[in-house]
Amino acid sequence: MLACEIDLAALRRLTQRMAREVERKFLVRDGSWQERAEARISMVQFYLAVTGERSVRVRISNGSRARLTLKFGSDLRARDEFEYDIPLADAKEMQAFALGKVIVKTRHHVRHGGYLYEVDVFSGEHEGLVVAELETPDKVGNAALPDWLGREITGDIRYSNASLALNGFPPAVG
């Protein structure tokens, strides 16, 4: 039995809405970003519900902190997001209800041009996939992007974490 019962309507009334974000996502071309990495976080994440317009995710960071995330909206570039800390023991118990594959990755924080990039190096079922995300309140022009970024995959549903969990590694695209 989970020690934490979640009443989504009550959570919505009791918490502030998080800011809407503009997200760009890229495959990573090479490892030159590693010399600029400032922080590293080990993550295990899984999905409890996924539809075209919403998802419910649990993420365990560094084996010591757990968060429940609710995302709403069909536009992968800008979605409403709500996050809540949950007891670690509950998160571990919820993992038994995960849809699809559990995602295992290491997130690196890398600064470039005044922006913070999150570079996710996947392991386990998704070994070999390296993706960088940039979340900002507004769109960043291509000229300001670092050269270690490869093809932009913003909006490509195959590279969303929910799709990776449900469908596995995307096929190579020419």
Protein backbone atom coordinates (compact mmCIF):
# COMPACT_ATOMS: atom_id res chain seq x y z
CA MET A 1 0.00 0.00 0.00
CA LEU A 2 1.34 3.41 -0.92
CA ALA A 3 1.82 5.78 1.98
CA CYS A 4 1.09 8.76 -0.27
CA GLU A 5 -2.38 9.09 -1.79
CA ILE A 6 -2.51 11.57 -4.63
CA ASP A 7 -5.60 13.73 -5.14
CA LEU A 8 -4.77 15.56 -8.37
CA ALA A 9 -7.57 18.09 -7.98
CA ALA A 10 -6.34 18.99 -4.49
CA LEU A 11 -2.75 19.24 -5.71
CA ARG A 12 -3.82 21.61 -8.44
CA ARG A 13 -5.68 23.84 -5.95
CA LEU A 14 -2.89 23.80 -3.36
CA THR A 15 0.14 24.39 -5.55
CA GLN A 16 1.27 27.07 -7.91
CA ARG A 17 1.38 26.36 -11.59
CA MET A 18 4.90 26.06 -12.92
CA ALA A 19 6.02 28.39 -15.69
CA ARG A 20 5.47 27.37 -19.28
CA GLU A 21 8.77 26.51 -20.91
CA VAL A 22 10.10 26.57 -24.46
CA GLU A 23 12.11 23.43 -25.02
CA ARG A 24 14.51 22.56 -27.82
CA LYS A 25 16.02 19.12 -28.10
CA PHE A 26 19.03 17.87 -30.07
CA LEU A 27 21.00 14.72 -30.68
CA VAL A 28 24.58 15.25 -29.48
CA ARG A 29 27.26 15.11 -32.19
CA ASP A 30 30.35 14.39 -30.06
CA GLY A 31 31.74 14.39 -26.53
CA SER A 32 33.33 17.85 -26.55
CA TRP A 33 30.60 19.07 -24.16
CA GLN A 34 32.07 16.89 -21.38
CA GLU A 35 34.84 19.35 -20.53
CA ARG A 36 32.17 21.94 -19.66
CA ALA A 37 29.96 19.64 -17.56
CA GLU A 38 29.29 21.17 -14.13
CA ALA A 39 27.04 18.64 -12.45
CA ARG A 40 25.97 15.04 -12.90
CA ILE A 41 22.73 13.43 -11.74
CA SER A 42 21.89 9.74 -12.01
CA MET A 43 18.24 9.24 -12.91
CA VAL A 44 15.76 6.42 -13.04
CA GLN A 45 12.41 7.44 -14.45
CA PHE A 46 9.23 5.73 -15.48
CA TYR A 47 5.72 6.54 -16.60
CA LEU A 48 2.49 5.65 -14.85
CA ALA A 49 0.21 7.13 -17.53
CA VAL A 50 0.74 8.48 -21.04
CA THR A 51 -1.77 9.85 -23.53
CA GLY A 52 -1.33 12.24 -26.43
CA GLU A 53 -1.90 15.27 -24.23
CA ARG A 54 -0.72 14.27 -20.76
CA SER A 55 1.75 12.14 -18.89
CA VAL A 56 2.44 11.12 -15.31
CA ARG A 57 6.10 10.44 -14.58
CA VAL A 58 8.08 9.42 -11.52
CA ARG A 59 11.79 10.24 -11.38
CA ILE A 60 14.31 9.09 -8.80
CA SER A 61 17.47 11.24 -8.73
CA ASN A 62 20.76 9.99 -7.29
CA GLY A 63 18.82 7.26 -5.51
CA SER A 64 17.80 9.74 -2.82
CA ARG A 65 15.04 12.03 -4.12
CA ALA A 66 11.78 11.25 -5.89
CA ARG A 67 9.46 13.54 -7.83
CA LEU A 68 6.08 13.07 -9.43
CA THR A 69 5.63 15.12 -12.62
CA LEU A 70 2.39 15.82 -14.46
CA LYS A 71 2.62 17.27 -17.98
CA PHE A 72 -0.31 18.63 -19.96
CA GLY A 73 -0.54 19.72 -23.59
CA SER A 74 0.17 18.17 -26.97
CA ASP A 75 2.87 20.64 -28.07
CA LEU A 76 6.20 19.07 -27.10
CA ARG A 77 7.86 22.50 -27.30
CA ALA A 78 5.70 24.18 -24.66
CA ARG A 79 3.69 22.24 -22.07
CA ASP A 80 2.26 22.94 -18.65
CA GLU A 81 4.16 21.02 -16.01
CA PHE A 82 3.57 20.37 -12.31
CA GLU A 83 6.15 18.68 -10.06
CA TYR A 84 5.90 17.37 -6.51
CA ASP A 85 8.35 15.69 -4.18
CA ILE A 86 7.12 12.27 -3.06
CA PRO A 87 8.54 9.79 -0.54
CA LEU A 88 11.36 7.71 -2.03
CA ALA A 89 9.80 4.48 -0.74
CA ASP A 90 6.55 5.30 -2.56
CA ALA A 91 8.41 6.00 -5.80
CA LYS A 92 10.20 2.66 -5.58
CA GLU A 93 6.90 0.90 -4.97
CA MET A 94 5.25 2.73 -7.90
CA GLN A 95 7.97 1.42 -10.23
CA ALA A 96 6.14 -1.92 -10.27
CA PHE A 97 3.34 -0.12 -12.16
CA ALA A 98 5.61 1.41 -14.82
CA LEU A 99 4.39 1.41 -18.40
CA GLY A 100 6.97 0.03 -20.86
CA LYS A 101 10.67 0.29 -20.07
CA VAL A 102 12.24 2.09 -17.14
CA ILE A 103 14.59 4.83 -18.39
CA VAL A 104 18.07 4.97 -16.87
CA LYS A 105 20.25 7.95 -17.69
CA THR A 106 22.84 10.35 -16.36
CA ARG A 107 22.06 14.04 -16.75
CA HIS A 108 24.93 16.49 -17.10
CA HIS A 109 24.53 20.26 -16.72
CA VAL A 110 26.53 22.12 -19.35
CA ARG A 111 26.65 25.91 -19.74
CA HIS A 112 27.14 27.57 -23.11
CA GLY A 113 26.47 31.16 -24.14
CA GLY A 114 24.70 31.98 -20.89
CA TYR A 115 22.29 29.05 -21.22
CA LEU A 116 22.11 25.79 -19.29
CA TYR A 117 21.88 22.64 -21.38
CA GLU A 118 20.87 19.30 -19.93
CA VAL A 119 22.78 16.51 -21.66
CA ASP A 120 21.24 13.09 -21.02
CA VAL A 121 23.45 10.05 -21.57
CA PHE A 122 21.18 7.00 -21.65
CA SER A 123 22.15 3.53 -20.48
CA GLY A 124 20.38 0.20 -20.20
CA GLU A 125 17.73 -0.32 -22.90
CA HIS A 126 18.65 3.01 -24.53
CA GLU A 127 22.47 2.69 -24.42
CA GLY A 128 24.18 4.94 -26.96
CA LEU A 129 21.53 7.66 -27.08
CA VAL A 130 22.80 11.11 -26.04
CA VAL A 131 20.33 14.00 -26.14
CA ALA A 132 20.69 17.66 -25.14
CA GLU A 133 17.78 19.85 -24.05
CA LEU A 134 17.60 23.59 -23.70
CA GLU A 135 14.65 24.99 -21.72
CA THR A 136 14.17 28.75 -21.82
CA PRO A 137 11.34 31.25 -21.48
CA ASP A 138 11.93 32.22 -25.13
CA LYS A 139 13.41 30.70 -28.27
CA VAL A 140 17.20 30.79 -28.70
CA GLY A 141 18.50 31.44 -32.22
CA ASN A 142 20.57 28.79 -34.00
CA ALA A 143 23.66 31.04 -34.11
CA ALA A 144 23.89 30.87 -30.30
CA LEU A 145 23.89 27.05 -30.18
CA PRO A 146 27.09 25.10 -29.37
CA ASP A 147 28.76 23.15 -32.18
CA TRP A 148 28.60 19.85 -30.25
CA LEU A 149 24.87 19.73 -30.93
CA GLY A 150 23.76 17.56 -33.82
CA ARG A 151 20.41 17.24 -35.55
CA GLU A 152 17.52 19.06 -33.89
CA ILE A 153 14.81 16.64 -32.74
CA THR A 154 12.48 19.18 -31.13
CA GLY A 155 8.94 17.95 -31.63
CA ASP A 156 10.04 14.49 -32.83
CA ILE A 157 7.81 12.36 -30.62
CA ARG A 158 10.11 9.33 -31.04
CA TYR A 159 12.69 11.04 -28.83
CA SER A 160 10.35 12.04 -26.02
CA ASN A 161 11.14 10.17 -22.83
CA ALA A 162 7.60 8.80 -22.75
CA SER A 163 8.01 7.38 -26.27
CA LEU A 164 11.41 5.92 -25.39
CA ALA A 165 9.81 4.17 -22.42
CA LEU A 166 6.86 2.85 -24.43
CA ASN A 167 8.46 2.19 -27.84
CA GLY A 168 12.19 1.80 -27.21
CA PHE A 169 15.13 3.25 -29.10
CA PRO A 170 14.06 5.13 -32.26
CA PRO A 171 15.25 3.63 -35.56
CA ALA A 172 18.15 5.37 -37.29
CA VAL A 173 17.01 8.15 -39.59
CA GLY A 174 19.00 9.22 -42.65
